[in-house]
Amino acid sequence: MLRILVLGQKSMCTFAHKQRNGRKSLTTVQGLKKEFSYNKILKDLKKEFCCNGTVVQDPELGQVIQLQGDQRKNVSTFLTQAGIVKKEHIKIHGF
């Protein structure tokens, strides 16, 4: 897993792509503020992108959203348009 980058008081929201096996892959979203409901965000992401996902509790990173498929660009545009994360606080790994 990737760690949350901290710049001053502001934390970065990171999106990572992880290859599972064959054509299967996962997109992880971490670093969202704790004041947001991860389950509600997950529900909207699943409905918007027609994919499955879950919220996982990681001992080092806290709550992490996992989505099926490569959804990095989709999730970043969705979260910026919804006003959850500012564009300058997003780090997309792999691009």
PDB file of N, CA and C in Angstrom:
ATOM      1  N   MET A   1       0.831  -1.181   0.000  1.00  0.00           N
ATOM      2  CA  MET A   1       0.000   0.000   0.000  1.00  0.00           C
ATOM      3  C   MET A   1       0.876   1.243   0.000  1.00  0.00           C
ATOM      4  N   LEU A   2       0.298   2.317  -0.447  1.00  0.00           N
ATOM      5  CA  LEU A   2       1.013   3.586  -0.484  1.00  0.00           C
ATOM      6  C   LEU A   2       0.662   4.402   0.736  1.00  0.00           C
ATOM      7  N   ARG A   3       1.564   5.243   1.156  1.00  0.00           N
ATOM      8  CA  ARG A   3       1.333   6.069   2.329  1.00  0.00           C
ATOM      9  C   ARG A   3       0.737   7.412   1.918  1.00  0.00           C
ATOM     10  N   ILE A   4       0.042   8.065   2.852  1.00  0.00           N
ATOM     11  CA  ILE A   4      -0.514   9.389   2.611  1.00  0.00           C
ATOM     12  C   ILE A   4       0.617  10.397   2.713  1.00  0.00           C
ATOM     13  N   LEU A   5       0.734  11.255   1.717  1.00  0.00           N
ATOM     14  CA  LEU A   5       1.755  12.291   1.723  1.00  0.00           C
ATOM     15  C   LEU A   5       1.233  13.487   2.494  1.00  0.00           C
ATOM     16  N   VAL A   6       2.019  13.995   3.418  1.00  0.00           N
ATOM     17  CA  VAL A   6       1.589  15.130   4.228  1.00  0.00           C
ATOM     18  C   VAL A   6       2.465  16.324   3.879  1.00  0.00           C
ATOM     19  N   LEU A   7       1.837  17.406   3.430  1.00  0.00           N
ATOM     20  CA  LEU A   7       2.530  18.645   3.125  1.00  0.00           C
ATOM     21  C   LEU A   7       1.991  19.720   4.060  1.00  0.00           C
ATOM     22  N   GLY A   8       2.746  20.063   5.077  1.00  0.00           N
ATOM     23  CA  GLY A   8       2.263  21.027   6.059  1.00  0.00           C
ATOM     24  C   GLY A   8       1.109  20.412   6.829  1.00  0.00           C
ATOM     25  N   GLN A   9      -0.017  21.097   6.860  1.00  0.00           N
ATOM     26  CA  GLN A   9      -1.207  20.603   7.547  1.00  0.00           C
ATOM     27  C   GLN A   9      -2.157  19.881   6.590  1.00  0.00           C
ATOM     28  N   LYS A  10      -1.899  19.964   5.285  1.00  0.00           N
ATOM     29  CA  LYS A  10      -2.827  19.408   4.308  1.00  0.00           C
ATOM     30  C   LYS A  10      -2.344  18.038   3.876  1.00  0.00           C
ATOM     31  N   SER A  11      -3.254  17.067   3.819  1.00  0.00           N
ATOM     32  CA  SER A  11      -2.884  15.727   3.377  1.00  0.00           C
ATOM     33  C   SER A  11      -3.340  15.545   1.935  1.00  0.00           C
ATOM     34  N   MET A  12      -2.623  14.689   1.230  1.00  0.00           N
ATOM     35  CA  MET A  12      -2.920  14.409  -0.162  1.00  0.00           C
ATOM     36  C   MET A  12      -3.880  13.229  -0.240  1.00  0.00           C
ATOM     37  N   CYS A  13      -4.768  13.292  -1.193  1.00  0.00           N
ATOM     38  CA  CYS A  13      -5.654  12.178  -1.488  1.00  0.00           C
ATOM     39  C   CYS A  13      -5.008  11.419  -2.642  1.00  0.00           C
ATOM     40  N   THR A  14      -4.680  10.163  -2.430  1.00  0.00           N
ATOM     41  CA  THR A  14      -3.954   9.403  -3.440  1.00  0.00           C
ATOM     42  C   THR A  14      -4.832   8.322  -4.039  1.00  0.00           C
ATOM     43  N   PHE A  15      -4.638   8.106  -5.346  1.00  0.00           N
ATOM     44  CA  PHE A  15      -5.336   7.060  -6.079  1.00  0.00           C
ATOM     45  C   PHE A  15      -4.276   6.144  -6.666  1.00  0.00           C
ATOM     46  N   ALA A  16      -4.379   4.862  -6.397  1.00  0.00           N
ATOM     47  CA  ALA A  16      -3.395   3.900  -6.879  1.00  0.00           C
ATOM     48  C   ALA A  16      -4.098   2.764  -7.602  1.00  0.00           C
ATOM     49  N   HIS A  17      -3.395   2.183  -8.550  1.00  0.00           N
ATOM     50  CA  HIS A  17      -3.901   1.074  -9.337  1.00  0.00           C
ATOM     51  C   HIS A  17      -3.070  -0.153  -8.999  1.00  0.00           C
ATOM     52  N   LYS A  18      -3.721  -1.250  -8.688  1.00  0.00           N
ATOM     53  CA  LYS A  18      -3.012  -2.475  -8.321  1.00  0.00           C
ATOM     54  C   LYS A  18      -3.536  -3.620  -9.180  1.00  0.00           C
ATOM     55  N   GLN A  19      -2.632  -4.264  -9.886  1.00  0.00           N
ATOM     56  CA  GLN A  19      -2.994  -5.400 -10.729  1.00  0.00           C
ATOM     57  C   GLN A  19      -3.162  -6.637  -9.858  1.00  0.00           C
ATOM     58  N   ARG A  20      -4.292  -7.315  -9.991  1.00  0.00           N
ATOM     59  CA  ARG A  20      -4.513  -8.537  -9.214  1.00  0.00           C
ATOM     60  C   ARG A  20      -4.005  -9.741  -9.983  1.00  0.00           C
ATOM     61  N   ASN A  21      -4.794 -10.247 -10.907  1.00  0.00           N
ATOM     62  CA  ASN A  21      -4.368 -11.376 -11.729  1.00  0.00           C
ATOM     63  C   ASN A  21      -5.042 -11.263 -13.094  1.00  0.00           C
ATOM     64  N   GLY A  22      -4.282 -11.530 -14.130  1.00  0.00           N
ATOM     65  CA  GLY A  22      -4.844 -11.456 -15.475  1.00  0.00           C
ATOM     66  C   GLY A  22      -5.311 -10.052 -15.795  1.00  0.00           C
ATOM     67  N   ARG A  23      -6.592  -9.914 -16.074  1.00  0.00           N
ATOM     68  CA  ARG A  23      -7.158  -8.608 -16.416  1.00  0.00           C
ATOM     69  C   ARG A  23      -7.786  -7.907 -15.222  1.00  0.00           C
ATOM     70  N   LYS A  24      -7.809  -8.542 -14.083  1.00  0.00           N
ATOM     71  CA  LYS A  24      -8.456  -7.987 -12.891  1.00  0.00           C
ATOM     72  C   LYS A  24      -7.537  -6.984 -12.201  1.00  0.00           C
ATOM     73  N   SER A  25      -8.133  -5.885 -11.737  1.00  0.00           N
ATOM     74  CA  SER A  25      -7.332  -4.870 -11.048  1.00  0.00           C
ATOM     75  C   SER A  25      -8.186  -4.145 -10.019  1.00  0.00           C
ATOM     76  N   LEU A  26      -7.508  -3.416  -9.126  1.00  0.00           N
ATOM     77  CA  LEU A  26      -8.161  -2.640  -8.076  1.00  0.00           C
ATOM     78  C   LEU A  26      -7.679  -1.200  -8.128  1.00  0.00           C
ATOM     79  N   THR A  27      -8.546  -0.279  -7.791  1.00  0.00           N
ATOM     80  CA  THR A  27      -8.174   1.116  -7.598  1.00  0.00           C
ATOM     81  C   THR A  27      -8.404   1.433  -6.130  1.00  0.00           C
ATOM     82  N   THR A  28      -7.384   1.980  -5.457  1.00  0.00           N
ATOM     83  CA  THR A  28      -7.522   2.334  -4.054  1.00  0.00           C
ATOM     84  C   THR A  28      -7.547   3.844  -3.909  1.00  0.00           C
ATOM     85  N   VAL A  29      -8.427   4.326  -3.042  1.00  0.00           N
ATOM     86  CA  VAL A  29      -8.557   5.747  -2.736  1.00  0.00           C
ATOM     87  C   VAL A  29      -8.274   5.900  -1.251  1.00  0.00           C
ATOM     88  N   GLN A  30      -7.280   6.725  -0.927  1.00  0.00           N
ATOM     89  CA  GLN A  30      -6.924   6.928   0.475  1.00  0.00           C
ATOM     90  C   GLN A  30      -6.591   8.384   0.706  1.00  0.00           C
ATOM     91  N   GLY A  31      -6.714   8.807   1.949  1.00  0.00           N
ATOM     92  CA  GLY A  31      -6.352  10.164   2.308  1.00  0.00           C
ATOM     93  C   GLY A  31      -7.518  11.129   2.344  1.00  0.00           C
ATOM     94  N   LEU A  32      -8.751  10.635   2.226  1.00  0.00           N
ATOM     95  CA  LEU A  32      -9.904  11.528   2.353  1.00  0.00           C
ATOM     96  C   LEU A  32     -10.035  11.970   3.802  1.00  0.00           C
ATOM     97  N   LYS A  33     -10.639  13.121   4.016  1.00  0.00           N
ATOM     98  CA  LYS A  33     -10.827  13.612   5.380  1.00  0.00           C
ATOM     99  C   LYS A  33     -11.760  12.678   6.141  1.00  0.00           C
ATOM    100  N   LYS A  34     -11.535  12.567   7.433  1.00  0.00           N
ATOM    101  CA  LYS A  34     -12.315  11.644   8.259  1.00  0.00           C
ATOM    102  C   LYS A  34     -13.740  12.130   8.484  1.00  0.00           C
ATOM    103  N   GLU A  35     -14.010  13.390   8.191  1.00  0.00           N
ATOM    104  CA  GLU A  35     -15.362  13.922   8.401  1.00  0.00           C
ATOM    105  C   GLU A  35     -16.348  13.429   7.348  1.00  0.00           C
ATOM    106  N   PHE A  36     -15.845  12.898   6.233  1.00  0.00           N
ATOM    107  CA  PHE A  36     -16.723  12.378   5.194  1.00  0.00           C
ATOM    108  C   PHE A  36     -17.106  10.942   5.502  1.00  0.00           C
ATOM    109  N   SER A  37     -18.298  10.557   5.069  1.00  0.00           N
ATOM    110  CA  SER A  37     -18.749   9.183   5.228  1.00  0.00           C
ATOM    111  C   SER A  37     -18.233   8.370   4.042  1.00  0.00           C
ATOM    112  N   TYR A  38     -17.314   7.478   4.326  1.00  0.00           N
ATOM    113  CA  TYR A  38     -16.712   6.671   3.266  1.00  0.00           C
ATOM    114  C   TYR A  38     -17.756   5.784   2.595  1.00  0.00           C
ATOM    115  N   ASN A  39     -18.711   5.288   3.363  1.00  0.00           N
ATOM    116  CA  ASN A  39     -19.729   4.411   2.789  1.00  0.00           C
ATOM    117  C   ASN A  39     -20.641   5.158   1.819  1.00  0.00           C
ATOM    118  N   LYS A  40     -20.966   6.411   2.110  1.00  0.00           N
ATOM    119  CA  LYS A  40     -21.800   7.190   1.193  1.00  0.00           C
ATOM    120  C   LYS A  40     -21.042   7.544  -0.075  1.00  0.00           C
ATOM    121  N   ILE A  41     -19.761   7.881   0.061  1.00  0.00           N
ATOM    122  CA  ILE A  41     -18.944   8.169  -1.112  1.00  0.00           C
ATOM    123  C   ILE A  41     -18.817   6.917  -1.972  1.00  0.00           C
ATOM    124  N   LEU A  42     -18.592   5.769  -1.331  1.00  0.00           N
ATOM    125  CA  LEU A  42     -18.481   4.504  -2.051  1.00  0.00           C
ATOM    126  C   LEU A  42     -19.769   4.186  -2.802  1.00  0.00           C
ATOM    127  N   LYS A  43     -20.895   4.406  -2.171  1.00  0.00           N
ATOM    128  CA  LYS A  43     -22.180   4.133  -2.806  1.00  0.00           C
ATOM    129  C   LYS A  43     -22.349   4.973  -4.066  1.00  0.00           C
ATOM    130  N   ASP A  44     -21.987   6.258  -4.002  1.00  0.00           N
ATOM    131  CA  ASP A  44     -22.095   7.129  -5.168  1.00  0.00           C
ATOM    132  C   ASP A  44     -21.105   6.739  -6.262  1.00  0.00           C
ATOM    133  N   LEU A  45     -19.885   6.351  -5.874  1.00  0.00           N
ATOM    134  CA  LEU A  45     -18.890   5.935  -6.863  1.00  0.00           C
ATOM    135  C   LEU A  45     -19.333   4.661  -7.578  1.00  0.00           C
ATOM    136  N   LYS A  46     -19.866   3.700  -6.834  1.00  0.00           N
ATOM    137  CA  LYS A  46     -20.319   2.453  -7.433  1.00  0.00           C
ATOM    138  C   LYS A  46     -21.459   2.696  -8.411  1.00  0.00           C
ATOM    139  N   LYS A  47     -22.362   3.583  -8.055  1.00  0.00           N
ATOM    140  CA  LYS A  47     -23.495   3.882  -8.927  1.00  0.00           C
ATOM    141  C   LYS A  47     -23.040   4.640 -10.170  1.00  0.00           C
ATOM    142  N   GLU A  48     -22.115   5.565 -10.010  1.00  0.00           N
ATOM    143  CA  GLU A  48     -21.650   6.403 -11.119  1.00  0.00           C
ATOM    144  C   GLU A  48     -20.850   5.603 -12.147  1.00  0.00           C
ATOM    145  N   PHE A  49     -19.974   4.704 -11.692  1.00  0.00           N
ATOM    146  CA  PHE A  49     -19.058   4.014 -12.596  1.00  0.00           C
ATOM    147  C   PHE A  49     -19.425   2.559 -12.851  1.00  0.00           C
ATOM    148  N   CYS A  50     -20.548   2.097 -12.343  1.00  0.00           N
ATOM    149  CA  CYS A  50     -21.026   0.724 -12.567  1.00  0.00           C
ATOM    150  C   CYS A  50     -19.946  -0.309 -12.239  1.00  0.00           C
ATOM    151  N   CYS A  51     -19.399  -0.185 -11.034  1.00  0.00           N
ATOM    152  CA  CYS A  51     -18.391  -1.147 -10.592  1.00  0.00           C
ATOM    153  C   CYS A  51     -18.686  -1.498  -9.138  1.00  0.00           C
ATOM    154  N   ASN A  52     -18.017  -2.510  -8.647  1.00  0.00           N
ATOM    155  CA  ASN A  52     -18.188  -2.907  -7.263  1.00  0.00           C
ATOM    156  C   ASN A  52     -17.029  -2.361  -6.440  1.00  0.00           C
ATOM    157  N   GLY A  53     -17.215  -2.283  -5.134  1.00  0.00           N
ATOM    158  CA  GLY A  53     -16.154  -1.772  -4.275  1.00  0.00           C
ATOM    159  C   GLY A  53     -16.460  -2.021  -2.820  1.00  0.00           C
ATOM    160  N   THR A  54     -15.494  -1.664  -1.976  1.00  0.00           N
ATOM    161  CA  THR A  54     -15.635  -1.864  -0.540  1.00  0.00           C
ATOM    162  C   THR A  54     -14.771  -0.861   0.201  1.00  0.00           C
ATOM    163  N   VAL A  55     -15.069  -0.690   1.487  1.00  0.00           N
ATOM    164  CA  VAL A  55     -14.245   0.123   2.379  1.00  0.00           C
ATOM    165  C   VAL A  55     -13.466  -0.832   3.264  1.00  0.00           C
ATOM    166  N   VAL A  56     -12.127  -0.701   3.257  1.00  0.00           N
ATOM    167  CA  VAL A  56     -11.249  -1.590   3.999  1.00  0.00           C
ATOM    168  C   VAL A  56     -10.560  -0.792   5.094  1.00  0.00           C
ATOM    169  N   GLN A  57     -10.450  -1.387   6.277  1.00  0.00           N
ATOM    170  CA  GLN A  57      -9.738  -0.757   7.396  1.00  0.00           C
ATOM    171  C   GLN A  57      -8.297  -1.240   7.383  1.00  0.00           C
ATOM    172  N   ASP A  58      -7.352  -0.326   7.115  1.00  0.00           N
ATOM    173  CA  ASP A  58      -5.932  -0.654   7.092  1.00  0.00           C
ATOM    174  C   ASP A  58      -5.303  -0.176   8.389  1.00  0.00           C
ATOM    175  N   PRO A  59      -4.437  -0.974   9.026  1.00  0.00           N
ATOM    176  CA  PRO A  59      -3.858  -0.552  10.314  1.00  0.00           C
ATOM    177  C   PRO A  59      -2.985   0.702  10.215  1.00  0.00           C
ATOM    178  N   GLU A  60      -2.289   0.896   9.090  1.00  0.00           N
ATOM    179  CA  GLU A  60      -1.423   2.061   8.939  1.00  0.00           C
ATOM    180  C   GLU A  60      -2.147   3.260   8.341  1.00  0.00           C
ATOM    181  N   LEU A  61      -3.009   3.022   7.361  1.00  0.00           N
ATOM    182  CA  LEU A  61      -3.610   4.103   6.586  1.00  0.00           C
ATOM    183  C   LEU A  61      -5.016   4.481   7.021  1.00  0.00           C
ATOM    184  N   GLY A  62      -5.630   3.694   7.864  1.00  0.00           N
ATOM    185  CA  GLY A  62      -7.016   3.964   8.245  1.00  0.00           C
ATOM    186  C   GLY A  62      -7.953   3.380   7.206  1.00  0.00           C
ATOM    187  N   GLN A  63      -9.020   4.090   6.903  1.00  0.00           N
ATOM    188  CA  GLN A  63      -9.996   3.592   5.943  1.00  0.00           C
ATOM    189  C   GLN A  63      -9.520   3.856   4.519  1.00  0.00           C
ATOM    190  N   VAL A  64      -9.690   2.843   3.668  1.00  0.00           N
ATOM    191  CA  VAL A  64      -9.297   2.914   2.270  1.00  0.00           C
ATOM    192  C   VAL A  64     -10.468   2.401   1.442  1.00  0.00           C
ATOM    193  N   ILE A  65     -10.810   3.126   0.370  1.00  0.00           N
ATOM    194  CA  ILE A  65     -11.857   2.686  -0.547  1.00  0.00           C
ATOM    195  C   ILE A  65     -11.198   1.894  -1.664  1.00  0.00           C
ATOM    196  N   GLN A  66     -11.708   0.695  -1.943  1.00  0.00           N
ATOM    197  CA  GLN A  66     -11.221  -0.127  -3.040  1.00  0.00           C
ATOM    198  C   GLN A  66     -12.332  -0.282  -4.060  1.00  0.00           C
ATOM    199  N   LEU A  67     -12.016  -0.024  -5.328  1.00  0.00           N
ATOM    200  CA  LEU A  67     -12.962  -0.177  -6.433  1.00  0.00           C
ATOM    201  C   LEU A  67     -12.401  -1.162  -7.440  1.00  0.00           C
ATOM    202  N   GLN A  68     -13.288  -1.891  -8.112  1.00  0.00           N
ATOM    203  CA  GLN A  68     -12.849  -2.814  -9.142  1.00  0.00           C
ATOM    204  C   GLN A  68     -12.521  -2.048 -10.410  1.00  0.00           C
ATOM    205  N   GLY A  69     -11.443  -2.453 -11.071  1.00  0.00           N
ATOM    206  CA  GLY A  69     -11.057  -1.851 -12.337  1.00  0.00           C
ATOM    207  C   GLY A  69     -10.171  -0.630 -12.143  1.00  0.00           C
ATOM    208  N   ASP A  70      -9.719  -0.076 -13.255  1.00  0.00           N
ATOM    209  CA  ASP A  70      -8.865   1.111 -13.238  1.00  0.00           C
ATOM    210  C   ASP A  70      -9.767   2.346 -13.284  1.00  0.00           C
ATOM    211  N   GLN A  71     -10.070   2.906 -12.139  1.00  0.00           N
ATOM    212  CA  GLN A  71     -10.995   4.037 -12.023  1.00  0.00           C
ATOM    213  C   GLN A  71     -10.300   5.314 -11.564  1.00  0.00           C
ATOM    214  N   ARG A  72      -8.976   5.410 -11.704  1.00  0.00           N
ATOM    215  CA  ARG A  72      -8.216   6.534 -11.141  1.00  0.00           C
ATOM    216  C   ARG A  72      -8.690   7.886 -11.663  1.00  0.00           C
ATOM    217  N   LYS A  73      -8.755   8.036 -12.976  1.00  0.00           N
ATOM    218  CA  LYS A  73      -9.157   9.332 -13.542  1.00  0.00           C
ATOM    219  C   LYS A  73     -10.626   9.629 -13.251  1.00  0.00           C
ATOM    220  N   ASN A  74     -11.467   8.603 -13.337  1.00  0.00           N
ATOM    221  CA  ASN A  74     -12.893   8.794 -13.066  1.00  0.00           C
ATOM    222  C   ASN A  74     -13.126   9.278 -11.635  1.00  0.00           C
ATOM    223  N   VAL A  75     -12.459   8.642 -10.681  1.00  0.00           N
ATOM    224  CA  VAL A  75     -12.648   8.986  -9.270  1.00  0.00           C
ATOM    225  C   VAL A  75     -12.117  10.389  -8.993  1.00  0.00           C
ATOM    226  N   SER A  76     -10.977  10.745  -9.586  1.00  0.00           N
ATOM    227  CA  SER A  76     -10.419  12.076  -9.335  1.00  0.00           C
ATOM    228  C   SER A  76     -11.334  13.170  -9.859  1.00  0.00           C
ATOM    229  N   THR A  77     -11.897  13.008 -11.054  1.00  0.00           N
ATOM    230  CA  THR A  77     -12.815  14.029 -11.571  1.00  0.00           C
ATOM    231  C   THR A  77     -14.111  14.059 -10.769  1.00  0.00           C
ATOM    232  N   PHE A  78     -14.599  12.897 -10.346  1.00  0.00           N
ATOM    233  CA  PHE A  78     -15.832  12.844  -9.565  1.00  0.00           C
ATOM    234  C   PHE A  78     -15.672  13.564  -8.224  1.00  0.00           C
ATOM    235  N   LEU A  79     -14.558  13.310  -7.526  1.00  0.00           N
ATOM    236  CA  LEU A  79     -14.359  13.914  -6.210  1.00  0.00           C
ATOM    237  C   LEU A  79     -14.090  15.417  -6.296  1.00  0.00           C
ATOM    238  N   THR A  80     -13.447  15.870  -7.367  1.00  0.00           N
ATOM    239  CA  THR A  80     -13.235  17.316  -7.511  1.00  0.00           C
ATOM    240  C   THR A  80     -14.526  18.019  -7.874  1.00  0.00           C
ATOM    241  N   GLN A  81     -15.349  17.423  -8.742  1.00  0.00           N
ATOM    242  CA  GLN A  81     -16.618  18.035  -9.117  1.00  0.00           C
ATOM    243  C   GLN A  81     -17.597  18.046  -7.950  1.00  0.00           C
ATOM    244  N   ALA A  82     -17.516  17.050  -7.076  1.00  0.00           N
ATOM    245  CA  ALA A  82     -18.400  16.994  -5.912  1.00  0.00           C
ATOM    246  C   ALA A  82     -17.930  17.940  -4.805  1.00  0.00           C
ATOM    247  N   GLY A  83     -16.709  18.467  -4.918  1.00  0.00           N
ATOM    248  CA  GLY A  83     -16.191  19.380  -3.909  1.00  0.00           C
ATOM    249  C   GLY A  83     -15.621  18.690  -2.695  1.00  0.00           C
ATOM    250  N   ILE A  84     -15.324  17.414  -2.800  1.00  0.00           N
ATOM    251  CA  ILE A  84     -14.780  16.657  -1.669  1.00  0.00           C
ATOM    252  C   ILE A  84     -13.283  16.896  -1.543  1.00  0.00           C
ATOM    253  N   VAL A  85     -12.581  16.940  -2.682  1.00  0.00           N
ATOM    254  CA  VAL A  85     -11.131  17.129  -2.705  1.00  0.00           C
ATOM    255  C   VAL A  85     -10.795  18.206  -3.726  1.00  0.00           C
ATOM    256  N   LYS A  86      -9.849  19.074  -3.380  1.00  0.00           N
ATOM    257  CA  LYS A  86      -9.377  20.071  -4.337  1.00  0.00           C
ATOM    258  C   LYS A  86      -8.378  19.430  -5.291  1.00  0.00           C
ATOM    259  N   LYS A  87      -8.304  19.979  -6.495  1.00  0.00           N
ATOM    260  CA  LYS A  87      -7.464  19.391  -7.529  1.00  0.00           C
ATOM    261  C   LYS A  87      -5.987  19.368  -7.136  1.00  0.00           C
ATOM    262  N   GLU A  88      -5.511  20.377  -6.426  1.00  0.00           N
ATOM    263  CA  GLU A  88      -4.101  20.436  -6.051  1.00  0.00           C
ATOM    264  C   GLU A  88      -3.742  19.461  -4.928  1.00  0.00           C
ATOM    265  N   HIS A  89      -4.740  18.819  -4.319  1.00  0.00           N
ATOM    266  CA  HIS A  89      -4.498  17.864  -3.235  1.00  0.00           C
ATOM    267  C   HIS A  89      -4.621  16.420  -3.704  1.00  0.00           C
ATOM    268  N   ILE A  90      -4.602  16.211  -5.024  1.00  0.00           N
ATOM    269  CA  ILE A  90      -4.767  14.870  -5.583  1.00  0.00           C
ATOM    270  C   ILE A  90      -3.443  14.385  -6.135  1.00  0.00           C
ATOM    271  N   LYS A  91      -3.108  13.139  -5.819  1.00  0.00           N
ATOM    272  CA  LYS A  91      -1.921  12.483  -6.354  1.00  0.00           C
ATOM    273  C   LYS A  91      -2.379  11.169  -6.979  1.00  0.00           C
ATOM    274  N   ILE A  92      -2.205  11.058  -8.315  1.00  0.00           N
ATOM    275  CA  ILE A  92      -2.586   9.840  -9.020  1.00  0.00           C
ATOM    276  C   ILE A  92      -1.302   9.085  -9.339  1.00  0.00           C
ATOM    277  N   HIS A  93      -1.179   7.877  -8.825  1.00  0.00           N
ATOM    278  CA  HIS A  93       0.005   7.061  -9.068  1.00  0.00           C
ATOM    279  C   HIS A  93      -0.163   6.284 -10.376  1.00  0.00           C
ATOM    280  N   GLY A  94       0.909   6.237 -11.152  1.00  0.00           N
ATOM    281  CA  GLY A  94       0.897   5.458 -12.373  1.00  0.00           C
ATOM    282  C   GLY A  94       0.666   6.271 -13.633  1.00  0.00           C
ATOM    283  N   PHE A  95       0.438   7.577 -13.538  1.00  0.00           N
ATOM    284  CA  PHE A  95       0.256   8.409 -14.730  1.00  0.00           C
ATOM    285  C   PHE A  95       1.351   9.419 -14.817  1.00  0.00           C
TER     286      PHE A  95
END
